[in-house]
Amino acid sequence: MPQRPGKPERALQQGLASWYGPGFHGRKTASGERFDQNALTAAHRSLPFGTKVKVVDQKSGRAIVVRINDRGPFKHGRVIDLSKASAEALGMGGLARVQIVSAE
């Protein structure tokens, strides 16, 4: 997503990202919608549902935009849980060190 001239990106958070999918596919998320492991969505502890954020892999520089629709992650030290599709789009295998940037 291109940066707007004169408007720097605002980093919201940095840390470890993990992903979730098969065991939760079709179940209700904290926002009330059904979890779709094939959608570009994510779980975050405090960002409002519907917020779009850019997740940047700090090692590869690869970035994707996801929509927050669930709560989590619940493992210590992790800042965001990506859907399976989001993790694949980012090129993640397991965990990745990421930066979360406002996409709005």
N, C-alpha and C. Protein backbone atom coordinates (compact mmCIF):
# COMPACT_ATOMS: atom_id res chain seq x y z
N MET A 1 0.85 -1.18 0.00
CA MET A 1 0.00 0.00 0.00
C MET A 1 0.90 1.24 0.00
N PRO A 2 0.77 2.11 -0.99
CA PRO A 2 1.64 3.27 -1.07
C PRO A 2 1.39 4.25 0.06
N GLN A 3 2.46 4.89 0.46
CA GLN A 3 2.37 5.87 1.52
C GLN A 3 1.92 7.20 0.93
N ARG A 4 1.08 7.92 1.63
CA ARG A 4 0.62 9.23 1.16
C ARG A 4 1.76 10.24 1.34
N PRO A 5 1.98 11.11 0.35
CA PRO A 5 3.03 12.12 0.49
C PRO A 5 2.75 13.02 1.70
N GLY A 6 3.78 13.26 2.48
CA GLY A 6 3.65 14.15 3.63
C GLY A 6 2.97 13.54 4.84
N LYS A 7 2.53 12.29 4.74
CA LYS A 7 1.87 11.65 5.86
C LYS A 7 2.62 10.36 6.21
N PRO A 8 3.50 10.41 7.22
CA PRO A 8 4.29 9.22 7.55
C PRO A 8 3.42 8.11 8.13
N GLU A 9 3.83 6.87 7.87
CA GLU A 9 3.11 5.74 8.45
C GLU A 9 3.29 5.76 9.96
N ARG A 10 2.25 5.37 10.67
CA ARG A 10 2.29 5.39 12.13
C ARG A 10 2.36 3.96 12.64
N ALA A 11 3.52 3.61 13.19
CA ALA A 11 3.69 2.27 13.75
C ALA A 11 2.86 2.17 15.03
N LEU A 12 2.05 1.12 15.11
CA LEU A 12 1.21 0.91 16.28
C LEU A 12 1.87 -0.03 17.29
N GLN A 13 2.59 -1.02 16.76
CA GLN A 13 3.13 -2.06 17.63
C GLN A 13 4.16 -2.89 16.87
N GLN A 14 5.08 -3.50 17.60
CA GLN A 14 6.04 -4.43 17.02
C GLN A 14 6.09 -5.66 17.91
N GLY A 15 6.39 -6.80 17.32
CA GLY A 15 6.52 -8.02 18.11
C GLY A 15 6.31 -9.25 17.25
N LEU A 16 6.01 -10.35 17.89
CA LEU A 16 5.84 -11.61 17.19
C LEU A 16 4.41 -11.81 16.71
N ALA A 17 4.31 -12.29 15.48
CA ALA A 17 3.01 -12.66 14.91
C ALA A 17 2.96 -14.17 14.83
N SER A 18 1.78 -14.72 15.05
CA SER A 18 1.54 -16.14 14.86
C SER A 18 0.32 -16.25 13.97
N TRP A 19 -0.09 -17.47 13.66
CA TRP A 19 -1.27 -17.63 12.81
C TRP A 19 -2.14 -18.76 13.35
N TYR A 20 -3.41 -18.73 12.93
CA TYR A 20 -4.36 -19.78 13.31
C TYR A 20 -5.30 -20.05 12.15
N GLY A 21 -5.91 -21.21 12.14
CA GLY A 21 -6.74 -21.53 11.00
C GLY A 21 -7.62 -22.74 11.15
N PRO A 22 -7.14 -23.91 10.70
CA PRO A 22 -7.99 -25.10 10.55
C PRO A 22 -8.89 -25.43 11.74
N GLY A 23 -8.39 -25.39 12.94
CA GLY A 23 -9.20 -25.74 14.11
C GLY A 23 -10.29 -24.74 14.44
N PHE A 24 -10.20 -23.54 13.88
CA PHE A 24 -11.15 -22.48 14.19
C PHE A 24 -12.05 -22.13 13.01
N HIS A 25 -11.76 -22.67 11.84
CA HIS A 25 -12.51 -22.33 10.63
C HIS A 25 -14.01 -22.60 10.83
N GLY A 26 -14.83 -21.58 10.56
CA GLY A 26 -16.28 -21.71 10.69
C GLY A 26 -16.83 -21.36 12.06
N ARG A 27 -15.96 -21.27 13.06
CA ARG A 27 -16.42 -20.91 14.41
C ARG A 27 -16.62 -19.40 14.50
N LYS A 28 -17.43 -18.96 15.46
CA LYS A 28 -17.66 -17.53 15.64
C LYS A 28 -16.43 -16.87 16.25
N THR A 29 -16.13 -15.67 15.72
CA THR A 29 -15.05 -14.87 16.27
C THR A 29 -15.62 -13.98 17.37
N ALA A 30 -14.75 -13.27 18.06
CA ALA A 30 -15.20 -12.36 19.12
C ALA A 30 -16.08 -11.24 18.56
N SER A 31 -15.94 -10.94 17.27
CA SER A 31 -16.77 -9.89 16.66
C SER A 31 -18.15 -10.41 16.27
N GLY A 32 -18.33 -11.73 16.33
CA GLY A 32 -19.62 -12.33 16.00
C GLY A 32 -19.69 -12.92 14.61
N GLU A 33 -18.71 -12.61 13.76
CA GLU A 33 -18.73 -13.20 12.42
C GLU A 33 -18.06 -14.58 12.45
N ARG A 34 -18.27 -15.35 11.43
CA ARG A 34 -17.66 -16.67 11.32
C ARG A 34 -16.23 -16.53 10.86
N PHE A 35 -15.32 -17.26 11.50
CA PHE A 35 -13.92 -17.22 11.12
C PHE A 35 -13.72 -17.94 9.80
N ASP A 36 -13.05 -17.27 8.88
CA ASP A 36 -12.72 -17.84 7.58
C ASP A 36 -11.21 -17.83 7.46
N GLN A 37 -10.60 -19.00 7.54
CA GLN A 37 -9.14 -19.09 7.49
C GLN A 37 -8.58 -18.62 6.16
N ASN A 38 -9.45 -18.48 5.14
CA ASN A 38 -9.02 -18.06 3.81
C ASN A 38 -9.19 -16.57 3.56
N ALA A 39 -9.61 -15.82 4.59
CA ALA A 39 -9.78 -14.37 4.48
C ALA A 39 -8.57 -13.66 5.06
N LEU A 40 -8.32 -12.44 4.63
CA LEU A 40 -7.19 -11.65 5.16
C LEU A 40 -7.65 -10.92 6.41
N THR A 41 -7.69 -11.67 7.51
CA THR A 41 -8.14 -11.15 8.79
C THR A 41 -7.11 -11.48 9.87
N ALA A 42 -7.34 -10.92 11.07
CA ALA A 42 -6.42 -11.15 12.17
C ALA A 42 -7.11 -10.92 13.51
N ALA A 43 -6.47 -11.46 14.54
CA ALA A 43 -6.93 -11.25 15.91
C ALA A 43 -5.92 -10.35 16.62
N HIS A 44 -6.44 -9.36 17.35
CA HIS A 44 -5.60 -8.44 18.13
C HIS A 44 -6.29 -8.22 19.46
N ARG A 45 -5.50 -8.00 20.50
CA ARG A 45 -6.07 -7.87 21.84
C ARG A 45 -6.94 -6.63 22.03
N SER A 46 -6.59 -5.51 21.40
CA SER A 46 -7.30 -4.27 21.73
C SER A 46 -7.77 -3.41 20.57
N LEU A 47 -7.27 -3.61 19.36
CA LEU A 47 -7.71 -2.77 18.25
C LEU A 47 -9.20 -3.02 17.97
N PRO A 48 -9.94 -1.97 17.62
CA PRO A 48 -11.37 -2.14 17.36
C PRO A 48 -11.64 -3.08 16.18
N PHE A 49 -12.71 -3.84 16.28
CA PHE A 49 -13.11 -4.73 15.18
C PHE A 49 -13.33 -3.87 13.93
N GLY A 50 -12.91 -4.39 12.80
CA GLY A 50 -13.06 -3.67 11.53
C GLY A 50 -11.86 -2.82 11.17
N THR A 51 -10.96 -2.58 12.13
CA THR A 51 -9.77 -1.79 11.85
C THR A 51 -8.89 -2.52 10.84
N LYS A 52 -8.40 -1.77 9.86
CA LYS A 52 -7.47 -2.35 8.89
C LYS A 52 -6.06 -1.89 9.25
N VAL A 53 -5.15 -2.86 9.32
CA VAL A 53 -3.76 -2.57 9.63
C VAL A 53 -2.85 -3.23 8.60
N LYS A 54 -1.71 -2.62 8.39
CA LYS A 54 -0.69 -3.22 7.54
C LYS A 54 0.27 -3.96 8.46
N VAL A 55 0.53 -5.22 8.14
CA VAL A 55 1.46 -6.04 8.91
C VAL A 55 2.70 -6.22 8.04
N VAL A 56 3.85 -5.79 8.57
CA VAL A 56 5.10 -5.82 7.82
C VAL A 56 6.04 -6.82 8.46
N ASP A 57 6.50 -7.81 7.70
CA ASP A 57 7.50 -8.76 8.17
C ASP A 57 8.82 -8.00 8.22
N GLN A 58 9.41 -7.87 9.42
CA GLN A 58 10.60 -7.06 9.57
C GLN A 58 11.83 -7.68 8.93
N LYS A 59 11.83 -8.98 8.71
CA LYS A 59 12.97 -9.64 8.07
C LYS A 59 12.92 -9.52 6.55
N SER A 60 11.76 -9.80 5.96
CA SER A 60 11.64 -9.82 4.50
C SER A 60 11.16 -8.49 3.92
N GLY A 61 10.50 -7.66 4.74
CA GLY A 61 9.94 -6.41 4.25
C GLY A 61 8.59 -6.59 3.57
N ARG A 62 8.15 -7.83 3.45
CA ARG A 62 6.86 -8.14 2.83
C ARG A 62 5.73 -7.59 3.72
N ALA A 63 4.65 -7.09 3.10
CA ALA A 63 3.57 -6.49 3.87
C ALA A 63 2.21 -6.87 3.30
N ILE A 64 1.22 -6.96 4.18
CA ILE A 64 -0.16 -7.22 3.79
C ILE A 64 -1.08 -6.35 4.64
N VAL A 65 -2.28 -6.12 4.16
CA VAL A 65 -3.29 -5.39 4.94
C VAL A 65 -4.33 -6.41 5.38
N VAL A 66 -4.63 -6.40 6.68
CA VAL A 66 -5.62 -7.31 7.25
C VAL A 66 -6.66 -6.52 8.01
N ARG A 67 -7.82 -7.15 8.22
CA ARG A 67 -8.91 -6.54 9.00
C ARG A 67 -9.02 -7.28 10.32
N ILE A 68 -9.09 -6.53 11.41
CA ILE A 68 -9.21 -7.12 12.75
C ILE A 68 -10.66 -7.57 12.96
N ASN A 69 -10.84 -8.88 13.25
CA ASN A 69 -12.20 -9.38 13.48
C ASN A 69 -12.28 -10.34 14.66
N ASP A 70 -11.18 -10.46 15.43
CA ASP A 70 -11.17 -11.40 16.54
C ASP A 70 -10.24 -10.89 17.64
N ARG A 71 -10.28 -11.53 18.80
CA ARG A 71 -9.40 -11.19 19.92
C ARG A 71 -8.32 -12.25 20.05
N GLY A 72 -7.18 -11.84 20.48
CA GLY A 72 -6.03 -12.71 20.65
C GLY A 72 -4.80 -11.93 20.23
N PRO A 73 -3.67 -12.51 20.18
CA PRO A 73 -3.33 -13.87 20.58
C PRO A 73 -3.26 -13.98 22.10
N PHE A 74 -3.33 -15.20 22.57
CA PHE A 74 -3.34 -15.43 24.00
C PHE A 74 -2.03 -16.03 24.51
N LYS A 75 -1.04 -16.15 23.64
CA LYS A 75 0.29 -16.61 24.05
C LYS A 75 1.13 -15.39 24.39
N HIS A 76 1.85 -15.46 25.49
CA HIS A 76 2.71 -14.36 25.94
C HIS A 76 3.73 -13.99 24.86
N GLY A 77 3.90 -12.70 24.65
CA GLY A 77 4.92 -12.21 23.74
C GLY A 77 4.47 -12.05 22.30
N ARG A 78 3.25 -12.44 21.98
CA ARG A 78 2.75 -12.30 20.61
C ARG A 78 1.81 -11.11 20.53
N VAL A 79 1.88 -10.37 19.40
CA VAL A 79 1.09 -9.15 19.28
C VAL A 79 -0.10 -9.28 18.33
N ILE A 80 -0.07 -10.25 17.42
CA ILE A 80 -1.16 -10.41 16.46
C ILE A 80 -1.21 -11.87 16.02
N ASP A 81 -2.42 -12.36 15.81
CA ASP A 81 -2.67 -13.71 15.28
C ASP A 81 -3.29 -13.53 13.90
N LEU A 82 -2.62 -14.00 12.88
CA LEU A 82 -3.10 -13.87 11.51
C LEU A 82 -3.89 -15.10 11.10
N SER A 83 -4.84 -14.92 10.21
CA SER A 83 -5.53 -16.07 9.62
C SER A 83 -4.52 -16.84 8.77
N LYS A 84 -4.85 -18.07 8.43
CA LYS A 84 -3.96 -18.89 7.61
C LYS A 84 -3.62 -18.19 6.30
N ALA A 85 -4.63 -17.63 5.64
CA ALA A 85 -4.41 -16.93 4.36
C ALA A 85 -3.51 -15.71 4.54
N SER A 86 -3.68 -14.99 5.63
CA SER A 86 -2.84 -13.81 5.89
C SER A 86 -1.39 -14.23 6.09
N ALA A 87 -1.18 -15.29 6.86
CA ALA A 87 0.17 -15.78 7.11
C ALA A 87 0.82 -16.25 5.81
N GLU A 88 0.06 -16.94 4.96
CA GLU A 88 0.60 -17.40 3.68
C GLU A 88 0.95 -16.21 2.78
N ALA A 89 0.09 -15.19 2.75
CA ALA A 89 0.34 -14.01 1.93
C ALA A 89 1.60 -13.27 2.40
N LEU A 90 1.87 -13.35 3.69
CA LEU A 90 3.05 -12.69 4.26
C LEU A 90 4.29 -13.56 4.10
N GLY A 91 4.10 -14.83 3.75
CA GLY A 91 5.22 -15.75 3.58
C GLY A 91 5.71 -16.34 4.90
N MET A 92 4.82 -16.37 5.90
CA MET A 92 5.17 -16.89 7.22
C MET A 92 5.07 -18.40 7.26
N GLY A 93 6.00 -19.02 7.97
CA GLY A 93 5.89 -20.45 8.23
C GLY A 93 5.27 -20.67 9.60
N GLY A 94 5.92 -20.17 10.63
CA GLY A 94 5.44 -20.30 12.00
C GLY A 94 5.24 -18.92 12.60
N LEU A 95 6.28 -18.42 13.25
CA LEU A 95 6.24 -17.10 13.85
C LEU A 95 7.05 -16.13 12.99
N ALA A 96 6.71 -14.85 13.08
CA ALA A 96 7.48 -13.83 12.38
C ALA A 96 7.51 -12.56 13.23
N ARG A 97 8.65 -11.88 13.20
CA ARG A 97 8.74 -10.58 13.88
C ARG A 97 8.15 -9.55 12.92
N VAL A 98 7.13 -8.82 13.39
CA VAL A 98 6.40 -7.90 12.52
C VAL A 98 6.26 -6.52 13.15
N GLN A 99 5.90 -5.59 12.30
CA GLN A 99 5.51 -4.25 12.73
C GLN A 99 4.08 -4.07 12.25
N ILE A 100 3.22 -3.56 13.13
CA ILE A 100 1.82 -3.30 12.79
C ILE A 100 1.70 -1.79 12.57
N VAL A 101 1.20 -1.41 11.39
CA VAL A 101 1.10 -0.01 10.98
C VAL A 101 -0.35 0.30 10.63
N SER A 102 -0.80 1.50 10.99
CA SER A 102 -2.15 1.91 10.63
C SER A 102 -2.30 1.94 9.12
N ALA A 103 -3.38 1.34 8.61
CA ALA A 103 -3.63 1.33 7.17
C ALA A 103 -4.79 2.25 6.83
N GLU A 104 -5.25 3.03 7.78
CA GLU A 104 -6.41 3.89 7.54
C GLU A 104 -6.03 5.35 7.59
